[in-house]
């Protein structure tokens, strides 16, 4: 609180006991009185700041209650309470007695929303061990210090020497840093939207994928064919010979090759259709 004389600001108000001795019912009643006085004060004055800060102190229990819902998170509880207090201050600045709503009811969504925003902006996209989270921070600080000193990005060896770690530990920490943020596959390039979303740039359509299922289904069917029928298929579709060339290879007519090939393909086609 600012070091000011609260006499004018709190003239006519009930005496406020130490904040840690004020119960929830009393805090609610005092808050109503203070909000009514706050509306009559000019923003930016010492009196206004004193009453506003008193409201913050009186309602810190709301922040601690909201923060307790997130005690399972890895972030320190002090940080969560600090962020929740920012939400409390925002709620105080927006609250109006004329709405007829109790201040705790009005403030709690703002406090919780501020805490959730904190987790959204600072949490890791992929959970990594606490040791690696702390190592990322150490690497960031050491990297900034060495970059200023060397006028260039430090090497792995220089970072390892600065932090008293092995090169492998530094590399592990750098790799873990990649899990801090994640880019959406639907994200657009900020500098050039012509390339479309990230998902459209990191892969390509493999037209051969459609045939894999048929190839795998054909393998056992081809294995059941007679040796000559398998040889004709191989000469036609693997070696790329014409029917006339296949006939010369096997010592049969081109017409006979055509009939055998047609019969084999029909058999395979029917077998595939039955399986589907």
C-alpha atoms as a PDB file:
ATOM      1  CA  UNK A   1       0.000   0.000   0.000  1.00  0.00           C
ATOM      2  CA  UNK A   2       1.186   3.547  -0.623  1.00  0.00           C
ATOM      3  CA  UNK A   3       2.413   5.466   2.401  1.00  0.00           C
ATOM      4  CA  UNK A   4      -0.495   7.925   2.644  1.00  0.00           C
ATOM      5  CA  UNK A   5      -2.860   9.189   5.274  1.00  0.00           C
ATOM      6  CA  UNK A   6      -6.045   7.132   4.917  1.00  0.00           C
ATOM      7  CA  UNK A   7      -8.123   9.459   7.079  1.00  0.00           C
ATOM      8  CA  UNK A   8      -9.981  11.127   4.241  1.00  0.00           C
ATOM      9  CA  UNK A   9     -10.377   7.971   2.210  1.00  0.00           C
ATOM     10  CA  UNK A  10     -11.832   5.897   5.023  1.00  0.00           C
ATOM     11  CA  UNK A  11     -13.728   8.628   6.913  1.00  0.00           C
ATOM     12  CA  UNK A  12     -17.010   7.194   8.131  1.00  0.00           C
ATOM     13  CA  UNK A  13     -16.013   3.595   7.359  1.00  0.00           C
ATOM     14  CA  UNK A  14     -15.962   0.846   9.999  1.00  0.00           C
ATOM     15  CA  UNK A  15     -12.580  -0.024  11.464  1.00  0.00           C
ATOM     16  CA  UNK A  16     -10.800  -2.680   9.412  1.00  0.00           C
ATOM     17  CA  UNK A  17      -9.014  -5.323  11.536  1.00  0.00           C
ATOM     18  CA  UNK A  18      -5.847  -7.117  10.376  1.00  0.00           C
ATOM     19  CA  UNK A  19      -6.665  -8.756   7.042  1.00  0.00           C
ATOM     20  CA  UNK A  20      -5.767 -12.274   8.193  1.00  0.00           C
ATOM     21  CA  UNK A  21      -8.372 -11.966  10.967  1.00  0.00           C
ATOM     22  CA  UNK A  22     -11.271 -10.961   8.730  1.00  0.00           C
ATOM     23  CA  UNK A  23     -13.754 -13.773   8.045  1.00  0.00           C
ATOM     24  CA  UNK A  24     -15.452 -14.293   4.687  1.00  0.00           C
ATOM     25  CA  UNK A  25     -18.769 -12.783   5.851  1.00  0.00           C
ATOM     26  CA  UNK A  26     -17.091  -9.687   7.275  1.00  0.00           C
ATOM     27  CA  UNK A  27     -14.880  -9.367   4.196  1.00  0.00           C
ATOM     28  CA  UNK A  28     -17.956  -9.394   1.985  1.00  0.00           C
ATOM     29  CA  UNK A  29     -19.697  -6.710   4.046  1.00  0.00           C
ATOM     30  CA  UNK A  30     -16.602  -4.519   4.213  1.00  0.00           C
ATOM     31  CA  UNK A  31     -16.047  -4.940   0.480  1.00  0.00           C
ATOM     32  CA  UNK A  32     -19.518  -3.591  -0.275  1.00  0.00           C
ATOM     33  CA  UNK A  33     -18.833  -0.518   1.856  1.00  0.00           C
ATOM     34  CA  UNK A  34     -15.432   0.007   0.230  1.00  0.00           C
ATOM     35  CA  UNK A  35     -16.817  -0.395  -3.308  1.00  0.00           C
ATOM     36  CA  UNK A  36     -19.436   2.247  -2.528  1.00  0.00           C
ATOM     37  CA  UNK A  37     -16.682   4.586  -1.309  1.00  0.00           C
ATOM     38  CA  UNK A  38     -14.460   3.734  -4.314  1.00  0.00           C
ATOM     39  CA  UNK A  39     -17.168   4.917  -6.720  1.00  0.00           C
ATOM     40  CA  UNK A  40     -17.101   8.357  -5.082  1.00  0.00           C
ATOM     41  CA  UNK A  41     -13.327   8.753  -5.328  1.00  0.00           C
ATOM     42  CA  UNK A  42     -11.358  10.040  -8.274  1.00  0.00           C
ATOM     43  CA  UNK A  43      -9.238   7.420  -9.972  1.00  0.00           C
ATOM     44  CA  UNK A  44      -5.510   8.076  -9.685  1.00  0.00           C
ATOM     45  CA  UNK A  45      -5.692   9.788  -6.296  1.00  0.00           C
ATOM     46  CA  UNK A  46      -4.021   8.491  -3.141  1.00  0.00           C
ATOM     47  CA  UNK A  47      -7.415   7.875  -1.533  1.00  0.00           C
ATOM     48  CA  UNK A  48      -8.586   5.839  -4.507  1.00  0.00           C
ATOM     49  CA  UNK A  49      -5.383   3.737  -4.470  1.00  0.00           C
ATOM     50  CA  UNK A  50      -5.713   3.127  -0.720  1.00  0.00           C
ATOM     51  CA  UNK A  51      -9.311   1.887  -0.928  1.00  0.00           C
ATOM     52  CA  UNK A  52      -8.535  -0.216  -4.011  1.00  0.00           C
ATOM     53  CA  UNK A  53      -5.535  -1.834  -2.325  1.00  0.00           C
ATOM     54  CA  UNK A  54      -7.616  -2.508   0.770  1.00  0.00           C
ATOM     55  CA  UNK A  55     -10.153  -4.321  -1.398  1.00  0.00           C
ATOM     56  CA  UNK A  56      -7.364  -6.445  -2.853  1.00  0.00           C
ATOM     57  CA  UNK A  57      -6.100  -7.418   0.599  1.00  0.00           C
ATOM     58  CA  UNK A  58      -9.601  -8.187   1.876  1.00  0.00           C
ATOM     59  CA  UNK A  59     -10.330 -10.547  -1.026  1.00  0.00           C
ATOM     60  CA  UNK A  60      -7.026 -12.391  -1.334  1.00  0.00           C
ATOM     61  CA  UNK A  61      -8.752 -15.403   0.210  1.00  0.00           C
ATOM     62  CA  UNK A  62     -10.696 -15.722  -3.068  1.00  0.00           C
ATOM     63  CA  UNK A  63      -7.430 -15.972  -4.968  1.00  0.00           C
ATOM     64  CA  UNK A  64      -5.984 -18.577  -2.595  1.00  0.00           C
ATOM     65  CA  UNK A  65      -9.173 -20.635  -2.857  1.00  0.00           C
ATOM     66  CA  UNK A  66      -9.054 -20.519  -6.670  1.00  0.00           C
ATOM     67  CA  UNK A  67      -5.329 -21.307  -6.716  1.00  0.00           C
ATOM     68  CA  UNK A  68      -5.861 -24.374  -4.515  1.00  0.00           C
ATOM     69  CA  UNK A  69      -7.691 -26.011  -7.427  1.00  0.00           C
ATOM     70  CA  UNK A  70      -4.397 -26.039  -9.332  1.00  0.00           C
ATOM     71  CA  UNK A  71      -2.080 -27.308  -6.597  1.00  0.00           C
ATOM     72  CA  UNK A  72      -1.419 -30.506  -8.578  1.00  0.00           C
ATOM     73  CA  UNK A  73       0.387 -28.479 -11.262  1.00  0.00           C
ATOM     74  CA  UNK A  74       4.164 -28.289 -11.271  1.00  0.00           C
ATOM     75  CA  UNK A  75       4.272 -24.483 -11.096  1.00  0.00           C
ATOM     76  CA  UNK A  76       4.973 -22.951  -7.650  1.00  0.00           C
ATOM     77  CA  UNK A  77       1.835 -21.999  -5.717  1.00  0.00           C
ATOM     78  CA  UNK A  78       3.287 -18.505  -5.168  1.00  0.00           C
ATOM     79  CA  UNK A  79       3.315 -17.904  -8.917  1.00  0.00           C
ATOM     80  CA  UNK A  80      -0.266 -19.119  -9.266  1.00  0.00           C
ATOM     81  CA  UNK A  81      -1.453 -16.834  -6.461  1.00  0.00           C
ATOM     82  CA  UNK A  82       0.385 -13.891  -8.011  1.00  0.00           C
ATOM     83  CA  UNK A  83      -1.316 -14.486 -11.351  1.00  0.00           C
ATOM     84  CA  UNK A  84      -4.690 -14.940  -9.641  1.00  0.00           C
ATOM     85  CA  UNK A  85      -4.183 -11.618  -7.860  1.00  0.00           C
ATOM     86  CA  UNK A  86      -3.906  -9.928 -11.242  1.00  0.00           C
ATOM     87  CA  UNK A  87      -7.318 -11.381 -12.070  1.00  0.00           C
ATOM     88  CA  UNK A  88      -8.652 -10.106  -8.730  1.00  0.00           C
ATOM     89  CA  UNK A  89      -7.452  -6.576  -9.502  1.00  0.00           C
ATOM     90  CA  UNK A  90      -9.095  -6.708 -12.930  1.00  0.00           C
ATOM     91  CA  UNK A  91     -12.347  -7.824 -11.306  1.00  0.00           C
ATOM     92  CA  UNK A  92     -12.178  -4.985  -8.755  1.00  0.00           C
ATOM     93  CA  UNK A  93     -11.685  -2.435 -11.523  1.00  0.00           C
ATOM     94  CA  UNK A  94     -14.708  -3.741 -13.440  1.00  0.00           C
ATOM     95  CA  UNK A  95     -17.091  -4.386 -10.559  1.00  0.00           C
ATOM     96  CA  UNK A  96     -20.186  -2.237 -10.123  1.00  0.00           C
ATOM     97  CA  UNK A  97     -22.450  -2.408  -7.066  1.00  0.00           C
ATOM     98  CA  UNK A  98     -25.445  -1.480  -9.205  1.00  0.00           C
ATOM     99  CA  UNK A  99     -25.333  -4.906 -10.858  1.00  0.00           C
ATOM    100  CA  UNK A 100     -26.671  -6.486  -7.675  1.00  0.00           C
ATOM    101  CA  UNK A 101     -24.158  -9.340  -7.828  1.00  0.00           C
ATOM    102  CA  UNK A 102     -21.988 -10.417  -4.914  1.00  0.00           C
ATOM    103  CA  UNK A 103     -18.347  -9.567  -5.572  1.00  0.00           C
ATOM    104  CA  UNK A 104     -16.995 -13.144  -5.007  1.00  0.00           C
ATOM    105  CA  UNK A 105     -19.482 -14.444  -7.591  1.00  0.00           C
ATOM    106  CA  UNK A 106     -18.391 -11.767 -10.040  1.00  0.00           C
ATOM    107  CA  UNK A 107     -14.646 -12.072  -9.388  1.00  0.00           C
ATOM    108  CA  UNK A 108     -14.104 -15.840  -9.323  1.00  0.00           C
ATOM    109  CA  UNK A 109     -14.458 -16.429 -13.118  1.00  0.00           C
ATOM    110  CA  UNK A 110     -11.967 -13.628 -13.785  1.00  0.00           C
ATOM    111  CA  UNK A 111      -9.454 -14.983 -11.261  1.00  0.00           C
ATOM    112  CA  UNK A 112      -9.697 -18.554 -12.552  1.00  0.00           C
ATOM    113  CA  UNK A 113      -9.569 -17.349 -16.150  1.00  0.00           C
ATOM    114  CA  UNK A 114      -6.338 -15.468 -15.472  1.00  0.00           C
ATOM    115  CA  UNK A 115      -4.776 -18.574 -13.893  1.00  0.00           C
ATOM    116  CA  UNK A 116      -5.844 -20.787 -16.787  1.00  0.00           C
ATOM    117  CA  UNK A 117      -4.419 -18.270 -19.251  1.00  0.00           C
ATOM    118  CA  UNK A 118      -1.143 -18.426 -17.346  1.00  0.00           C
ATOM    119  CA  UNK A 119      -1.009 -22.211 -17.733  1.00  0.00           C
ATOM    120  CA  UNK A 120      -1.965 -21.962 -21.394  1.00  0.00           C
ATOM    121  CA  UNK A 121       0.827 -19.491 -22.121  1.00  0.00           C
ATOM    122  CA  UNK A 122       3.551 -21.061 -19.984  1.00  0.00           C
ATOM    123  CA  UNK A 123       2.870 -24.800 -19.866  1.00  0.00           C
ATOM    124  CA  UNK A 124       4.836 -27.257 -21.958  1.00  0.00           C
ATOM    125  CA  UNK A 125       3.155 -28.713 -25.047  1.00  0.00           C
ATOM    126  CA  UNK A 126       4.649 -32.100 -24.186  1.00  0.00           C
ATOM    127  CA  UNK A 127       5.260 -33.037 -20.571  1.00  0.00           C
ATOM    128  CA  UNK A 128       8.949 -33.473 -19.802  1.00  0.00           C
ATOM    129  CA  UNK A 129      10.710 -34.198 -16.479  1.00  0.00           C
ATOM    130  CA  UNK A 130      11.141 -31.298 -14.077  1.00  0.00           C
ATOM    131  CA  UNK A 131      14.926 -31.658 -14.422  1.00  0.00           C
ATOM    132  CA  UNK A 132      14.720 -30.889 -18.136  1.00  0.00           C
ATOM    133  CA  UNK A 133      12.336 -27.971 -17.571  1.00  0.00           C
ATOM    134  CA  UNK A 134      14.870 -26.394 -15.214  1.00  0.00           C
ATOM    135  CA  UNK A 135      17.712 -27.217 -17.608  1.00  0.00           C
ATOM    136  CA  UNK A 136      15.900 -25.341 -20.373  1.00  0.00           C
ATOM    137  CA  UNK A 137      15.813 -22.211 -18.210  1.00  0.00           C
ATOM    138  CA  UNK A 138      19.505 -22.570 -17.326  1.00  0.00           C
ATOM    139  CA  UNK A 139      20.418 -23.009 -20.985  1.00  0.00           C
ATOM    140  CA  UNK A 140      18.380 -19.954 -21.959  1.00  0.00           C
ATOM    141  CA  UNK A 141      20.083 -17.752 -19.374  1.00  0.00           C
ATOM    142  CA  UNK A 142      23.556 -19.078 -20.164  1.00  0.00           C
ATOM    143  CA  UNK A 143      22.909 -18.738 -23.885  1.00  0.00           C
ATOM    144  CA  UNK A 144      21.908 -15.076 -23.544  1.00  0.00           C
ATOM    145  CA  UNK A 145      24.921 -14.259 -21.379  1.00  0.00           C
ATOM    146  CA  UNK A 146      27.400 -15.997 -23.682  1.00  0.00           C
ATOM    147  CA  UNK A 147      25.810 -14.489 -26.798  1.00  0.00           C
ATOM    148  CA  UNK A 148      26.353 -10.988 -25.406  1.00  0.00           C
ATOM    149  CA  UNK A 149      29.909 -11.799 -24.401  1.00  0.00           C
ATOM    150  CA  UNK A 150      30.923 -13.613 -27.612  1.00  0.00           C
ATOM    151  CA  UNK A 151      28.762 -11.592 -30.017  1.00  0.00           C
ATOM    152  CA  UNK A 152      27.528 -14.860 -31.533  1.00  0.00           C
ATOM    153  CA  UNK A 153      25.494 -17.904 -30.588  1.00  0.00           C
ATOM    154  CA  UNK A 154      27.426 -20.134 -28.155  1.00  0.00           C
ATOM    155  CA  UNK A 155      28.382 -23.675 -29.097  1.00  0.00           C
ATOM    156  CA  UNK A 156      27.314 -26.785 -27.207  1.00  0.00           C
ATOM    157  CA  UNK A 157      30.788 -27.105 -25.712  1.00  0.00           C
ATOM    158  CA  UNK A 158      30.741 -23.499 -24.479  1.00  0.00           C
ATOM    159  CA  UNK A 159      27.316 -23.961 -22.886  1.00  0.00           C
ATOM    160  CA  UNK A 160      28.455 -27.203 -21.266  1.00  0.00           C
ATOM    161  CA  UNK A 161      31.541 -25.515 -19.811  1.00  0.00           C
ATOM    162  CA  UNK A 162      29.504 -22.569 -18.524  1.00  0.00           C
ATOM    163  CA  UNK A 163      26.964 -24.791 -16.756  1.00  0.00           C
ATOM    164  CA  UNK A 164      29.368 -27.532 -15.694  1.00  0.00           C
ATOM    165  CA  UNK A 165      27.524 -30.152 -17.748  1.00  0.00           C
ATOM    166  CA  UNK A 166      28.487 -32.692 -20.364  1.00  0.00           C
ATOM    167  CA  UNK A 167      27.857 -32.049 -24.055  1.00  0.00           C
ATOM    168  CA  UNK A 168      25.237 -34.821 -24.060  1.00  0.00           C
ATOM    169  CA  UNK A 169      23.312 -33.173 -21.227  1.00  0.00           C
ATOM    170  CA  UNK A 170      23.279 -29.855 -23.083  1.00  0.00           C
ATOM    171  CA  UNK A 171      22.031 -31.545 -26.260  1.00  0.00           C
ATOM    172  CA  UNK A 172      19.334 -33.321 -24.236  1.00  0.00           C
ATOM    173  CA  UNK A 173      18.221 -29.981 -22.777  1.00  0.00           C
ATOM    174  CA  UNK A 174      18.093 -28.396 -26.230  1.00  0.00           C
ATOM    175  CA  UNK A 175      16.002 -31.282 -27.535  1.00  0.00           C
ATOM    176  CA  UNK A 176      13.618 -30.971 -24.576  1.00  0.00           C
ATOM    177  CA  UNK A 177      13.163 -27.267 -25.352  1.00  0.00           C
ATOM    178  CA  UNK A 178      11.432 -28.267 -28.571  1.00  0.00           C
ATOM    179  CA  UNK A 179       8.583 -29.654 -26.462  1.00  0.00           C
ATOM    180  CA  UNK A 180       7.845 -26.244 -24.925  1.00  0.00           C
ATOM    181  CA  UNK A 181       5.714 -25.034 -27.812  1.00  0.00           C
ATOM    182  CA  UNK A 182       3.914 -26.804 -30.614  1.00  0.00           C
ATOM    183  CA  UNK A 183       2.748 -25.459 -33.941  1.00  0.00           C
ATOM    184  CA  UNK A 184      -0.702 -26.281 -35.230  1.00  0.00           C
ATOM    185  CA  UNK A 185      -0.870 -28.206 -38.486  1.00  0.00           C
ATOM    186  CA  UNK A 186      -3.494 -25.671 -39.542  1.00  0.00           C
ATOM    187  CA  UNK A 187      -1.180 -22.719 -38.843  1.00  0.00           C
ATOM    188  CA  UNK A 188      -0.591 -20.290 -41.716  1.00  0.00           C
ATOM    189  CA  UNK A 189       2.765 -18.804 -42.608  1.00  0.00           C
ATOM    190  CA  UNK A 190       2.827 -15.240 -41.309  1.00  0.00           C
ATOM    191  CA  UNK A 191       5.170 -13.959 -43.999  1.00  0.00           C
ATOM    192  CA  UNK A 192       3.687 -15.826 -46.927  1.00  0.00           C
ATOM    193  CA  UNK A 193       0.145 -17.150 -46.847  1.00  0.00           C
ATOM    194  CA  UNK A 194       0.388 -18.485 -50.382  1.00  0.00           C
ATOM    195  CA  UNK A 195       1.850 -21.770 -49.144  1.00  0.00           C
ATOM    196  CA  UNK A 196      -1.216 -22.538 -47.066  1.00  0.00           C
ATOM    197  CA  UNK A 197      -1.336 -24.403 -43.777  1.00  0.00           C
ATOM    198  CA  UNK A 198       1.619 -26.280 -42.318  1.00  0.00           C
ATOM    199  CA  UNK A 199      -0.092 -29.606 -42.948  1.00  0.00           C
ATOM    200  CA  UNK A 200      -0.033 -28.840 -46.682  1.00  0.00           C
ATOM    201  CA  UNK A 201       3.716 -28.243 -46.684  1.00  0.00           C
ATOM    202  CA  UNK A 202       5.178 -31.036 -44.586  1.00  0.00           C
ATOM    203  CA  UNK A 203       4.005 -33.948 -46.718  1.00  0.00           C
ATOM    204  CA  UNK A 204       2.820 -34.998 -50.131  1.00  0.00           C
ATOM    205  CA  UNK A 205       0.248 -37.358 -51.536  1.00  0.00           C
ATOM    206  CA  UNK A 206       1.755 -40.714 -52.471  1.00  0.00           C
ATOM    207  CA  UNK A 207      -0.364 -42.076 -55.281  1.00  0.00           C
ATOM    208  CA  UNK A 208       1.214 -45.493 -54.814  1.00  0.00           C
ATOM    209  CA  UNK A 209      -0.477 -45.897 -51.430  1.00  0.00           C
ATOM    210  CA  UNK A 210      -3.776 -46.780 -53.077  1.00  0.00           C
ATOM    211  CA  UNK A 211      -2.207 -49.823 -54.747  1.00  0.00           C
ATOM    212  CA  UNK A 212      -0.543 -51.258 -51.647  1.00  0.00           C
ATOM    213  CA  UNK A 213      -3.719 -52.905 -50.386  1.00  0.00           C
ATOM    214  CA  UNK A 214      -4.362 -54.529 -53.752  1.00  0.00           C
ATOM    215  CA  UNK A 215      -0.762 -55.731 -54.059  1.00  0.00           C
ATOM    216  CA  UNK A 216      -0.862 -57.332 -50.631  1.00  0.00           C
ATOM    217  CA  UNK A 217      -4.185 -58.986 -51.443  1.00  0.00           C
ATOM    218  CA  UNK A 218      -2.866 -60.271 -54.769  1.00  0.00           C
ATOM    219  CA  UNK A 219       0.237 -61.967 -53.367  1.00  0.00           C
ATOM    220  CA  UNK A 220      -1.475 -65.087 -51.963  1.00  0.00           C
ATOM    221  CA  UNK A 221      -3.756 -65.309 -55.001  1.00  0.00           C
ATOM    222  CA  UNK A 222      -0.824 -65.228 -57.407  1.00  0.00           C
ATOM    223  CA  UNK A 223       0.973 -67.846 -55.322  1.00  0.00           C
ATOM    224  CA  UNK A 224      -1.939 -70.238 -55.987  1.00  0.00           C
ATOM    225  CA  UNK A 225      -1.624 -69.927 -59.795  1.00  0.00           C
ATOM    226  CA  UNK A 226      -0.008 -72.513 -61.978  1.00  0.00           C
ATOM    227  CA  UNK A 227       3.713 -71.910 -62.649  1.00  0.00           C
ATOM    228  CA  UNK A 228       3.128 -71.022 -66.319  1.00  0.00           C
ATOM    229  CA  UNK A 229       0.388 -68.517 -65.435  1.00  0.00           C
ATOM    230  CA  UNK A 230       2.698 -66.865 -62.885  1.00  0.00           C
ATOM    231  CA  UNK A 231       5.469 -66.736 -65.505  1.00  0.00           C
ATOM    232  CA  UNK A 232       3.177 -65.096 -68.051  1.00  0.00           C
ATOM    233  CA  UNK A 233       2.134 -62.448 -65.495  1.00  0.00           C
ATOM    234  CA  UNK A 234       5.774 -61.769 -64.647  1.00  0.00           C
ATOM    235  CA  UNK A 235       6.837 -61.486 -68.288  1.00  0.00           C
ATOM    236  CA  UNK A 236       3.912 -59.188 -69.103  1.00  0.00           C
ATOM    237  CA  UNK A 237       3.763 -56.873 -66.084  1.00  0.00           C
ATOM    238  CA  UNK A 238       7.279 -57.062 -64.647  1.00  0.00           C
ATOM    239  CA  UNK A 239       9.487 -57.556 -67.686  1.00  0.00           C
ATOM    240  CA  UNK A 240       7.107 -55.532 -69.867  1.00  0.00           C
ATOM    241  CA  UNK A 241       7.102 -57.988 -72.815  1.00  0.00           C
ATOM    242  CA  UNK A 242       4.357 -57.944 -75.424  1.00  0.00           C
ATOM    243  CA  UNK A 243       2.108 -60.934 -75.905  1.00  0.00           C
ATOM    244  CA  UNK A 244       4.013 -61.855 -79.078  1.00  0.00           C
ATOM    245  CA  UNK A 245       7.347 -61.745 -77.242  1.00  0.00           C
ATOM    246  CA  UNK A 246       5.902 -63.866 -74.432  1.00  0.00           C
ATOM    247  CA  UNK A 247       4.712 -66.414 -77.030  1.00  0.00           C
ATOM    248  CA  UNK A 248       8.203 -66.631 -78.509  1.00  0.00           C
ATOM    249  CA  UNK A 249       9.669 -67.023 -75.009  1.00  0.00           C
ATOM    250  CA  UNK A 250       7.300 -69.885 -74.103  1.00  0.00           C
ATOM    251  CA  UNK A 251       6.999 -71.433 -77.580  1.00  0.00           C
ATOM    252  CA  UNK A 252       3.257 -70.802 -77.897  1.00  0.00           C
ATOM    253  CA  UNK A 253       1.156 -68.555 -80.097  1.00  0.00           C
ATOM    254  CA  UNK A 254       0.318 -64.969 -79.295  1.00  0.00           C
ATOM    255  CA  UNK A 255      -3.396 -65.951 -79.329  1.00  0.00           C
ATOM    256  CA  UNK A 256      -2.760 -68.648 -76.729  1.00  0.00           C
ATOM    257  CA  UNK A 257      -0.901 -66.146 -74.542  1.00  0.00           C
ATOM    258  CA  UNK A 258      -3.824 -63.749 -74.808  1.00  0.00           C
ATOM    259  CA  UNK A 259      -6.329 -66.405 -73.708  1.00  0.00           C
ATOM    260  CA  UNK A 260      -4.154 -67.553 -70.794  1.00  0.00           C
ATOM    261  CA  UNK A 261      -3.534 -63.982 -69.660  1.00  0.00           C
ATOM    262  CA  UNK A 262      -7.216 -63.062 -69.927  1.00  0.00           C
ATOM    263  CA  UNK A 263      -8.237 -66.158 -67.955  1.00  0.00           C
ATOM    264  CA  UNK A 264      -5.697 -65.445 -65.212  1.00  0.00           C
ATOM    265  CA  UNK A 265      -6.685 -61.800 -64.867  1.00  0.00           C
ATOM    266  CA  UNK A 266     -10.366 -62.685 -64.704  1.00  0.00           C
ATOM    267  CA  UNK A 267      -9.660 -65.212 -61.962  1.00  0.00           C
ATOM    268  CA  UNK A 268      -7.667 -62.712 -59.937  1.00  0.00           C
ATOM    269  CA  UNK A 269     -10.281 -59.986 -60.424  1.00  0.00           C
ATOM    270  CA  UNK A 270     -13.068 -62.265 -59.184  1.00  0.00           C
ATOM    271  CA  UNK A 271     -11.020 -63.314 -56.163  1.00  0.00           C
ATOM    272  CA  UNK A 272     -10.353 -59.693 -55.215  1.00  0.00           C
ATOM    273  CA  UNK A 273     -14.044 -58.846 -55.612  1.00  0.00           C
ATOM    274  CA  UNK A 274     -15.046 -61.698 -53.327  1.00  0.00           C
ATOM    275  CA  UNK A 275     -12.581 -60.520 -50.649  1.00  0.00           C
ATOM    276  CA  UNK A 276     -13.935 -56.951 -50.762  1.00  0.00           C
END
